[in-house]
Amino acid sequence: MDDLESVFELNGDCFAESWSNDALKAALEEGYELLLCTDGELLVGYLLSHGVLDEVHIMQVAVAPLYRRRGIAEQLSRNLLAAKPGRTLLLEVRASNHAAQSLYEKLGFVCSGVRKGYYVPDHEDGIREDAILMHHQSATDSTGRAP
């Protein structure tokens, strides 16, 4: 909660559909989890997720524009995968976001469907963009624990 204002600012910098400060605060109060990446005192990335039973939904991964392509999103995602052994991770990604899709495929996510017109337009053309659904099943051994 101490980092909420920084998360809110980064959220607005990274997403056309940014969450309100109240929505982010409510999500954290409801049990959403937030992984942070900092450079000194500066928040440069975060991953917001929400777990329900044996599934974890990745809600957002944000990295400050000046810090992109340095492996921050990958490390945040790897940290979440390591923290949730045996759980299915789910996410949606814009159909046009090929870099994110490549990252998730590298991490073992597979495409599991498409949500037509899921995202509001972020261009002046007014066309809603499809979401690619992806999932990852964390590995477990015969005892149900991650190897």
N, C-alpha and C. Protein backbone atom coordinates (compact mmCIF):
# COMPACT_ATOMS: atom_id res chain seq x y z
N MET A 1 0.83 -1.20 0.00
CA MET A 1 0.00 0.00 0.00
C MET A 1 0.87 1.26 0.00
N ASP A 2 2.08 1.15 0.56
CA ASP A 2 2.96 2.31 0.59
C ASP A 2 3.38 2.75 -0.81
N ASP A 3 3.36 1.82 -1.76
CA ASP A 3 3.80 2.11 -3.12
C ASP A 3 2.64 2.42 -4.07
N LEU A 4 1.44 2.54 -3.54
CA LEU A 4 0.26 2.67 -4.38
C LEU A 4 0.33 3.87 -5.31
N GLU A 5 0.78 5.00 -4.84
CA GLU A 5 0.83 6.19 -5.69
C GLU A 5 1.79 5.99 -6.85
N SER A 6 2.95 5.37 -6.60
CA SER A 6 3.90 5.10 -7.67
C SER A 6 3.33 4.09 -8.66
N VAL A 7 2.64 3.09 -8.16
CA VAL A 7 2.01 2.09 -9.04
C VAL A 7 0.95 2.76 -9.90
N PHE A 8 0.15 3.63 -9.29
CA PHE A 8 -0.89 4.34 -10.02
C PHE A 8 -0.28 5.19 -11.14
N GLU A 9 0.82 5.89 -10.85
CA GLU A 9 1.47 6.71 -11.87
C GLU A 9 2.00 5.87 -13.01
N LEU A 10 2.66 4.75 -12.69
CA LEU A 10 3.20 3.88 -13.73
C LEU A 10 2.07 3.25 -14.55
N ASN A 11 0.98 2.91 -13.88
CA ASN A 11 -0.19 2.37 -14.55
C ASN A 11 -0.69 3.34 -15.62
N GLY A 12 -0.80 4.60 -15.26
CA GLY A 12 -1.26 5.62 -16.20
C GLY A 12 -0.29 5.84 -17.34
N ASP A 13 1.01 5.69 -17.08
CA ASP A 13 2.02 5.86 -18.12
C ASP A 13 2.02 4.71 -19.13
N CYS A 14 1.60 3.54 -18.69
CA CYS A 14 1.74 2.34 -19.52
C CYS A 14 0.47 1.90 -20.23
N PHE A 15 -0.70 2.27 -19.71
CA PHE A 15 -1.93 1.72 -20.26
C PHE A 15 -2.92 2.81 -20.64
N ALA A 16 -3.52 2.65 -21.82
CA ALA A 16 -4.59 3.56 -22.24
C ALA A 16 -5.79 3.42 -21.31
N GLU A 17 -6.01 2.21 -20.83
CA GLU A 17 -7.10 1.92 -19.89
C GLU A 17 -6.53 1.76 -18.49
N SER A 18 -6.06 2.85 -17.91
CA SER A 18 -5.46 2.74 -16.59
C SER A 18 -6.53 2.61 -15.52
N TRP A 19 -6.18 1.94 -14.43
CA TRP A 19 -7.09 1.78 -13.30
C TRP A 19 -7.10 3.07 -12.49
N SER A 20 -8.20 3.35 -11.85
CA SER A 20 -8.24 4.48 -10.94
C SER A 20 -7.46 4.13 -9.67
N ASN A 21 -7.04 5.14 -8.95
CA ASN A 21 -6.33 4.93 -7.69
C ASN A 21 -7.20 4.12 -6.74
N ASP A 22 -8.49 4.44 -6.69
CA ASP A 22 -9.41 3.70 -5.81
C ASP A 22 -9.54 2.24 -6.22
N ALA A 23 -9.56 1.97 -7.54
CA ALA A 23 -9.68 0.59 -8.01
C ALA A 23 -8.44 -0.21 -7.65
N LEU A 24 -7.26 0.39 -7.81
CA LEU A 24 -6.03 -0.30 -7.43
C LEU A 24 -5.99 -0.57 -5.93
N LYS A 25 -6.37 0.41 -5.15
CA LYS A 25 -6.37 0.24 -3.70
C LYS A 25 -7.35 -0.86 -3.30
N ALA A 26 -8.55 -0.85 -3.89
CA ALA A 26 -9.55 -1.87 -3.57
C ALA A 26 -9.05 -3.26 -3.96
N ALA A 27 -8.38 -3.36 -5.11
CA ALA A 27 -7.86 -4.66 -5.56
C ALA A 27 -6.85 -5.20 -4.54
N LEU A 28 -5.97 -4.36 -4.08
CA LEU A 28 -4.97 -4.81 -3.10
C LEU A 28 -5.63 -5.18 -1.78
N GLU A 29 -6.64 -4.44 -1.38
CA GLU A 29 -7.36 -4.76 -0.14
C GLU A 29 -8.12 -6.07 -0.26
N GLU A 30 -8.51 -6.44 -1.49
CA GLU A 30 -9.25 -7.69 -1.73
C GLU A 30 -8.33 -8.89 -1.91
N GLY A 31 -7.01 -8.69 -1.82
CA GLY A 31 -6.10 -9.81 -1.91
C GLY A 31 -5.32 -9.94 -3.20
N TYR A 32 -5.46 -9.01 -4.13
CA TYR A 32 -4.61 -9.03 -5.31
C TYR A 32 -3.17 -8.89 -4.85
N GLU A 33 -2.25 -9.49 -5.59
CA GLU A 33 -0.85 -9.43 -5.22
C GLU A 33 -0.08 -8.55 -6.18
N LEU A 34 0.90 -7.86 -5.65
CA LEU A 34 1.68 -6.92 -6.44
C LEU A 34 3.16 -7.22 -6.25
N LEU A 35 3.84 -7.55 -7.34
CA LEU A 35 5.29 -7.71 -7.34
C LEU A 35 5.88 -6.42 -7.92
N LEU A 36 6.90 -5.89 -7.27
CA LEU A 36 7.48 -4.61 -7.69
C LEU A 36 8.93 -4.79 -8.10
N CYS A 37 9.37 -3.94 -9.03
CA CYS A 37 10.77 -3.84 -9.41
C CYS A 37 11.15 -2.37 -9.29
N THR A 38 12.22 -2.10 -8.56
CA THR A 38 12.66 -0.72 -8.35
C THR A 38 14.10 -0.54 -8.80
N ASP A 39 14.43 0.69 -9.10
CA ASP A 39 15.80 1.11 -9.36
C ASP A 39 16.08 2.17 -8.30
N GLY A 40 16.69 1.77 -7.21
CA GLY A 40 16.81 2.65 -6.06
C GLY A 40 15.43 2.88 -5.47
N GLU A 41 15.02 4.11 -5.41
CA GLU A 41 13.70 4.47 -4.88
C GLU A 41 12.63 4.54 -5.98
N LEU A 42 13.03 4.42 -7.24
CA LEU A 42 12.13 4.60 -8.37
C LEU A 42 11.47 3.29 -8.76
N LEU A 43 10.14 3.27 -8.79
CA LEU A 43 9.40 2.10 -9.27
C LEU A 43 9.53 2.05 -10.78
N VAL A 44 10.06 0.95 -11.31
CA VAL A 44 10.25 0.83 -12.75
C VAL A 44 9.41 -0.27 -13.37
N GLY A 45 8.78 -1.10 -12.54
CA GLY A 45 7.93 -2.15 -13.08
C GLY A 45 7.12 -2.81 -11.99
N TYR A 46 6.01 -3.42 -12.40
CA TYR A 46 5.20 -4.18 -11.46
C TYR A 46 4.40 -5.24 -12.19
N LEU A 47 3.97 -6.23 -11.44
CA LEU A 47 3.08 -7.28 -11.93
C LEU A 47 1.96 -7.39 -10.92
N LEU A 48 0.73 -7.25 -11.39
CA LEU A 48 -0.46 -7.35 -10.55
C LEU A 48 -1.17 -8.65 -10.90
N SER A 49 -1.43 -9.48 -9.88
CA SER A 49 -2.10 -10.76 -10.12
C SER A 49 -3.19 -10.99 -9.08
N HIS A 50 -4.07 -11.92 -9.42
CA HIS A 50 -5.18 -12.26 -8.53
C HIS A 50 -5.38 -13.77 -8.56
N GLY A 51 -5.27 -14.39 -7.40
CA GLY A 51 -5.44 -15.83 -7.31
C GLY A 51 -6.82 -16.21 -6.85
N VAL A 52 -7.38 -17.24 -7.50
CA VAL A 52 -8.66 -17.82 -7.11
C VAL A 52 -8.50 -19.33 -7.20
N LEU A 53 -8.62 -20.00 -6.05
CA LEU A 53 -8.44 -21.44 -5.97
C LEU A 53 -7.09 -21.83 -6.56
N ASP A 54 -7.08 -22.67 -7.62
CA ASP A 54 -5.81 -23.12 -8.17
C ASP A 54 -5.37 -22.33 -9.40
N GLU A 55 -5.99 -21.17 -9.64
CA GLU A 55 -5.64 -20.33 -10.77
C GLU A 55 -5.13 -18.98 -10.29
N VAL A 56 -4.22 -18.42 -11.07
CA VAL A 56 -3.72 -17.07 -10.83
C VAL A 56 -3.86 -16.32 -12.14
N HIS A 57 -4.57 -15.21 -12.08
CA HIS A 57 -4.78 -14.39 -13.27
C HIS A 57 -3.81 -13.22 -13.23
N ILE A 58 -2.97 -13.12 -14.24
CA ILE A 58 -2.08 -11.96 -14.35
C ILE A 58 -2.92 -10.82 -14.93
N MET A 59 -3.11 -9.81 -14.11
CA MET A 59 -3.96 -8.68 -14.51
C MET A 59 -3.19 -7.65 -15.32
N GLN A 60 -1.99 -7.33 -14.87
CA GLN A 60 -1.17 -6.32 -15.55
C GLN A 60 0.31 -6.58 -15.30
N VAL A 61 1.09 -6.32 -16.33
CA VAL A 61 2.54 -6.24 -16.19
C VAL A 61 2.91 -4.90 -16.82
N ALA A 62 3.53 -4.04 -16.02
CA ALA A 62 3.89 -2.70 -16.50
C ALA A 62 5.36 -2.45 -16.25
N VAL A 63 6.03 -1.89 -17.25
CA VAL A 63 7.42 -1.49 -17.12
C VAL A 63 7.55 -0.08 -17.68
N ALA A 64 8.20 0.79 -16.92
CA ALA A 64 8.40 2.17 -17.36
C ALA A 64 9.09 2.19 -18.72
N PRO A 65 8.65 3.07 -19.62
CA PRO A 65 9.21 3.08 -20.98
C PRO A 65 10.74 3.11 -21.04
N LEU A 66 11.40 3.86 -20.19
CA LEU A 66 12.86 3.94 -20.23
C LEU A 66 13.55 2.68 -19.74
N TYR A 67 12.80 1.76 -19.14
CA TYR A 67 13.37 0.53 -18.59
C TYR A 67 12.96 -0.72 -19.36
N ARG A 68 12.27 -0.55 -20.46
CA ARG A 68 11.83 -1.70 -21.24
C ARG A 68 12.99 -2.36 -21.96
N ARG A 69 12.78 -3.64 -22.29
CA ARG A 69 13.75 -4.46 -23.02
C ARG A 69 15.02 -4.71 -22.20
N ARG A 70 14.84 -4.76 -20.87
CA ARG A 70 15.95 -5.06 -19.96
C ARG A 70 15.66 -6.33 -19.14
N GLY A 71 14.58 -7.03 -19.47
CA GLY A 71 14.25 -8.28 -18.78
C GLY A 71 13.42 -8.11 -17.52
N ILE A 72 12.90 -6.92 -17.28
CA ILE A 72 12.13 -6.69 -16.05
C ILE A 72 10.82 -7.46 -16.07
N ALA A 73 10.08 -7.38 -17.16
CA ALA A 73 8.80 -8.11 -17.24
C ALA A 73 9.04 -9.61 -17.14
N GLU A 74 10.12 -10.08 -17.75
CA GLU A 74 10.44 -11.51 -17.68
C GLU A 74 10.74 -11.92 -16.24
N GLN A 75 11.54 -11.13 -15.53
CA GLN A 75 11.90 -11.50 -14.16
C GLN A 75 10.68 -11.44 -13.24
N LEU A 76 9.85 -10.42 -13.39
CA LEU A 76 8.63 -10.36 -12.59
C LEU A 76 7.76 -11.59 -12.83
N SER A 77 7.65 -11.99 -14.10
CA SER A 77 6.84 -13.16 -14.46
C SER A 77 7.45 -14.44 -13.90
N ARG A 78 8.76 -14.57 -14.00
CA ARG A 78 9.45 -15.75 -13.44
C ARG A 78 9.27 -15.82 -11.93
N ASN A 79 9.33 -14.67 -11.26
CA ASN A 79 9.13 -14.65 -9.81
C ASN A 79 7.72 -15.12 -9.45
N LEU A 80 6.73 -14.70 -10.23
CA LEU A 80 5.36 -15.15 -9.98
C LEU A 80 5.23 -16.65 -10.21
N LEU A 81 5.79 -17.14 -11.31
CA LEU A 81 5.74 -18.58 -11.60
C LEU A 81 6.37 -19.38 -10.47
N ALA A 82 7.51 -18.91 -9.96
CA ALA A 82 8.20 -19.63 -8.88
C ALA A 82 7.40 -19.61 -7.59
N ALA A 83 6.65 -18.53 -7.39
CA ALA A 83 5.87 -18.38 -6.15
C ALA A 83 4.55 -19.15 -6.18
N LYS A 84 4.15 -19.65 -7.34
CA LYS A 84 2.84 -20.30 -7.48
C LYS A 84 2.97 -21.69 -8.09
N PRO A 85 3.78 -22.57 -7.51
CA PRO A 85 3.95 -23.91 -8.10
C PRO A 85 2.62 -24.67 -8.11
N GLY A 86 2.40 -25.39 -9.20
CA GLY A 86 1.21 -26.23 -9.31
C GLY A 86 -0.06 -25.47 -9.65
N ARG A 87 0.05 -24.18 -9.86
CA ARG A 87 -1.14 -23.39 -10.18
C ARG A 87 -1.15 -23.03 -11.65
N THR A 88 -2.33 -22.89 -12.21
CA THR A 88 -2.48 -22.46 -13.58
C THR A 88 -2.47 -20.94 -13.61
N LEU A 89 -1.62 -20.36 -14.45
CA LEU A 89 -1.57 -18.92 -14.62
C LEU A 89 -2.26 -18.56 -15.92
N LEU A 90 -3.07 -17.53 -15.87
CA LEU A 90 -3.86 -17.09 -17.01
C LEU A 90 -3.60 -15.62 -17.28
N LEU A 91 -3.74 -15.22 -18.54
CA LEU A 91 -3.62 -13.80 -18.88
C LEU A 91 -4.27 -13.54 -20.23
N GLU A 92 -4.52 -12.26 -20.48
CA GLU A 92 -4.92 -11.79 -21.80
C GLU A 92 -3.86 -10.80 -22.26
N VAL A 93 -3.58 -10.80 -23.55
CA VAL A 93 -2.61 -9.86 -24.11
C VAL A 93 -3.16 -9.35 -25.44
N ARG A 94 -2.94 -8.07 -25.71
CA ARG A 94 -3.41 -7.50 -26.97
C ARG A 94 -2.86 -8.30 -28.15
N ALA A 95 -3.70 -8.51 -29.14
CA ALA A 95 -3.28 -9.26 -30.33
C ALA A 95 -2.09 -8.59 -31.01
N SER A 96 -1.99 -7.27 -30.92
CA SER A 96 -0.90 -6.54 -31.56
C SER A 96 0.39 -6.53 -30.73
N ASN A 97 0.34 -7.02 -29.48
CA ASN A 97 1.51 -6.96 -28.60
C ASN A 97 2.35 -8.23 -28.78
N HIS A 98 3.05 -8.28 -29.89
CA HIS A 98 3.83 -9.47 -30.23
C HIS A 98 5.00 -9.68 -29.28
N ALA A 99 5.58 -8.60 -28.78
CA ALA A 99 6.70 -8.73 -27.85
C ALA A 99 6.25 -9.45 -26.58
N ALA A 100 5.10 -9.07 -26.04
CA ALA A 100 4.59 -9.72 -24.83
C ALA A 100 4.25 -11.18 -25.11
N GLN A 101 3.62 -11.44 -26.26
CA GLN A 101 3.28 -12.82 -26.60
C GLN A 101 4.54 -13.68 -26.69
N SER A 102 5.60 -13.14 -27.29
CA SER A 102 6.86 -13.88 -27.39
C SER A 102 7.46 -14.15 -26.02
N LEU A 103 7.40 -13.15 -25.14
CA LEU A 103 7.91 -13.33 -23.79
C LEU A 103 7.15 -14.45 -23.09
N TYR A 104 5.82 -14.42 -23.14
CA TYR A 104 5.04 -15.44 -22.45
C TYR A 104 5.27 -16.82 -23.04
N GLU A 105 5.41 -16.91 -24.37
CA GLU A 105 5.71 -18.21 -24.98
C GLU A 105 7.07 -18.73 -24.50
N LYS A 106 8.04 -17.83 -24.38
CA LYS A 106 9.37 -18.19 -23.86
C LYS A 106 9.26 -18.76 -22.45
N LEU A 107 8.31 -18.25 -21.66
CA LEU A 107 8.13 -18.68 -20.29
C LEU A 107 7.26 -19.94 -20.18
N GLY A 108 6.76 -20.45 -21.31
CA GLY A 108 5.98 -21.68 -21.30
C GLY A 108 4.47 -21.49 -21.38
N PHE A 109 4.02 -20.28 -21.60
CA PHE A 109 2.58 -20.04 -21.79
C PHE A 109 2.19 -20.50 -23.19
N VAL A 110 0.96 -20.96 -23.32
CA VAL A 110 0.43 -21.35 -24.63
C VAL A 110 -0.88 -20.61 -24.87
N CYS A 111 -1.15 -20.40 -26.14
CA CYS A 111 -2.40 -19.73 -26.53
C CYS A 111 -3.56 -20.68 -26.29
N SER A 112 -4.62 -20.16 -25.68
CA SER A 112 -5.77 -21.01 -25.42
C SER A 112 -7.07 -20.42 -25.95
N GLY A 113 -6.98 -19.34 -26.70
CA GLY A 113 -8.19 -18.77 -27.27
C GLY A 113 -8.03 -17.30 -27.59
N VAL A 114 -9.14 -16.72 -28.04
CA VAL A 114 -9.20 -15.31 -28.42
C VAL A 114 -10.48 -14.72 -27.87
N ARG A 115 -10.39 -13.52 -27.32
CA ARG A 115 -11.58 -12.74 -26.94
C ARG A 115 -11.71 -11.63 -27.97
N LYS A 116 -12.72 -11.74 -28.81
CA LYS A 116 -12.93 -10.76 -29.87
C LYS A 116 -13.34 -9.40 -29.28
N GLY A 117 -12.70 -8.35 -29.77
CA GLY A 117 -13.05 -6.99 -29.37
C GLY A 117 -12.93 -6.71 -27.89
N TYR A 118 -11.99 -7.34 -27.22
CA TYR A 118 -11.86 -7.25 -25.77
C TYR A 118 -11.36 -5.89 -25.29
N TYR A 119 -10.38 -5.34 -25.99
CA TYR A 119 -9.76 -4.09 -25.56
C TYR A 119 -10.41 -2.89 -26.25
N VAL A 120 -10.60 -1.83 -25.47
CA VAL A 120 -11.09 -0.59 -26.07
C VAL A 120 -10.02 -0.05 -27.01
N PRO A 121 -10.42 0.70 -28.01
CA PRO A 121 -9.43 1.20 -28.97
C PRO A 121 -8.38 2.09 -28.31
N ASP A 122 -7.12 1.90 -28.71
CA ASP A 122 -6.09 2.82 -28.26
C ASP A 122 -5.56 3.63 -29.44
N HIS A 123 -6.27 3.55 -30.56
CA HIS A 123 -5.95 4.33 -31.76
C HIS A 123 -7.20 5.10 -32.15
N GLU A 124 -7.02 6.09 -33.00
CA GLU A 124 -8.14 6.91 -33.42
C GLU A 124 -9.09 6.19 -34.35
N ASP A 125 -8.72 4.99 -34.82
CA ASP A 125 -9.59 4.27 -35.76
C ASP A 125 -10.85 3.74 -35.08
N GLY A 126 -10.86 3.68 -33.75
CA GLY A 126 -12.05 3.27 -33.01
C GLY A 126 -12.33 1.78 -33.02
N ILE A 127 -11.41 0.98 -33.53
CA ILE A 127 -11.62 -0.46 -33.62
C ILE A 127 -11.15 -1.13 -32.33
N ARG A 128 -12.04 -1.95 -31.75
CA ARG A 128 -11.67 -2.69 -30.54
C ARG A 128 -10.72 -3.82 -30.93
N GLU A 129 -9.75 -4.05 -30.09
CA GLU A 129 -8.72 -5.04 -30.39
C GLU A 129 -9.00 -6.36 -29.68
N ASP A 130 -8.68 -7.46 -30.36
CA ASP A 130 -8.83 -8.79 -29.76
C ASP A 130 -7.79 -9.02 -28.68
N ALA A 131 -8.13 -9.88 -27.75
CA ALA A 131 -7.19 -10.34 -26.73
C ALA A 131 -6.84 -11.79 -27.02
N ILE A 132 -5.56 -12.09 -26.92
CA ILE A 132 -5.09 -13.47 -27.02
C ILE A 132 -5.08 -14.02 -25.60
N LEU A 133 -5.76 -15.13 -25.37
CA LEU A 133 -5.77 -15.78 -24.06
C LEU A 133 -4.60 -16.75 -24.01
N MET A 134 -3.87 -16.70 -22.90
CA MET A 134 -2.73 -17.60 -22.73
C MET A 134 -2.79 -18.19 -21.34
N HIS A 135 -2.24 -19.41 -21.22
CA HIS A 135 -2.18 -20.04 -19.90
C HIS A 135 -0.86 -20.79 -19.74
N HIS A 136 -0.51 -21.00 -18.49
CA HIS A 136 0.71 -21.72 -18.12
C HIS A 136 0.37 -22.63 -16.96
N GLN A 137 0.68 -23.89 -17.10
CA GLN A 137 0.48 -24.84 -16.00
C GLN A 137 1.82 -25.07 -15.35
N SER A 138 2.00 -24.59 -14.13
CA SER A 138 3.26 -24.78 -13.41
C SER A 138 3.49 -26.27 -13.18
N ALA A 139 4.73 -26.67 -13.29
CA ALA A 139 5.09 -28.07 -13.10
C ALA A 139 5.03 -28.45 -11.63
N THR A 140 4.63 -29.68 -11.38
CA THR A 140 4.67 -30.24 -10.03
C THR A 140 5.20 -31.67 -10.11
N ASP A 141 5.71 -32.16 -9.00
CA ASP A 141 6.16 -33.55 -8.98
C ASP A 141 5.02 -34.44 -8.46
N SER A 142 5.29 -35.70 -8.19
CA SER A 142 4.25 -36.63 -7.78
C SER A 142 3.63 -36.28 -6.42
N THR A 143 4.31 -35.43 -5.65
CA THR A 143 3.75 -35.02 -4.35
C THR A 143 2.91 -33.75 -4.46
N GLY A 144 2.85 -33.19 -5.69
CA GLY A 144 2.10 -31.95 -5.87
C GLY A 144 2.93 -30.71 -5.64
N ARG A 145 4.25 -30.90 -5.45
CA ARG A 145 5.13 -29.75 -5.23
C ARG A 145 5.95 -29.47 -6.49
N ALA A 146 6.36 -28.23 -6.62
CA ALA A 146 7.20 -27.87 -7.77
C ALA A 146 8.53 -28.60 -7.66
N PRO A 147 9.05 -29.08 -8.80
CA PRO A 147 10.33 -29.78 -8.77
C PRO A 147 11.47 -28.83 -8.44
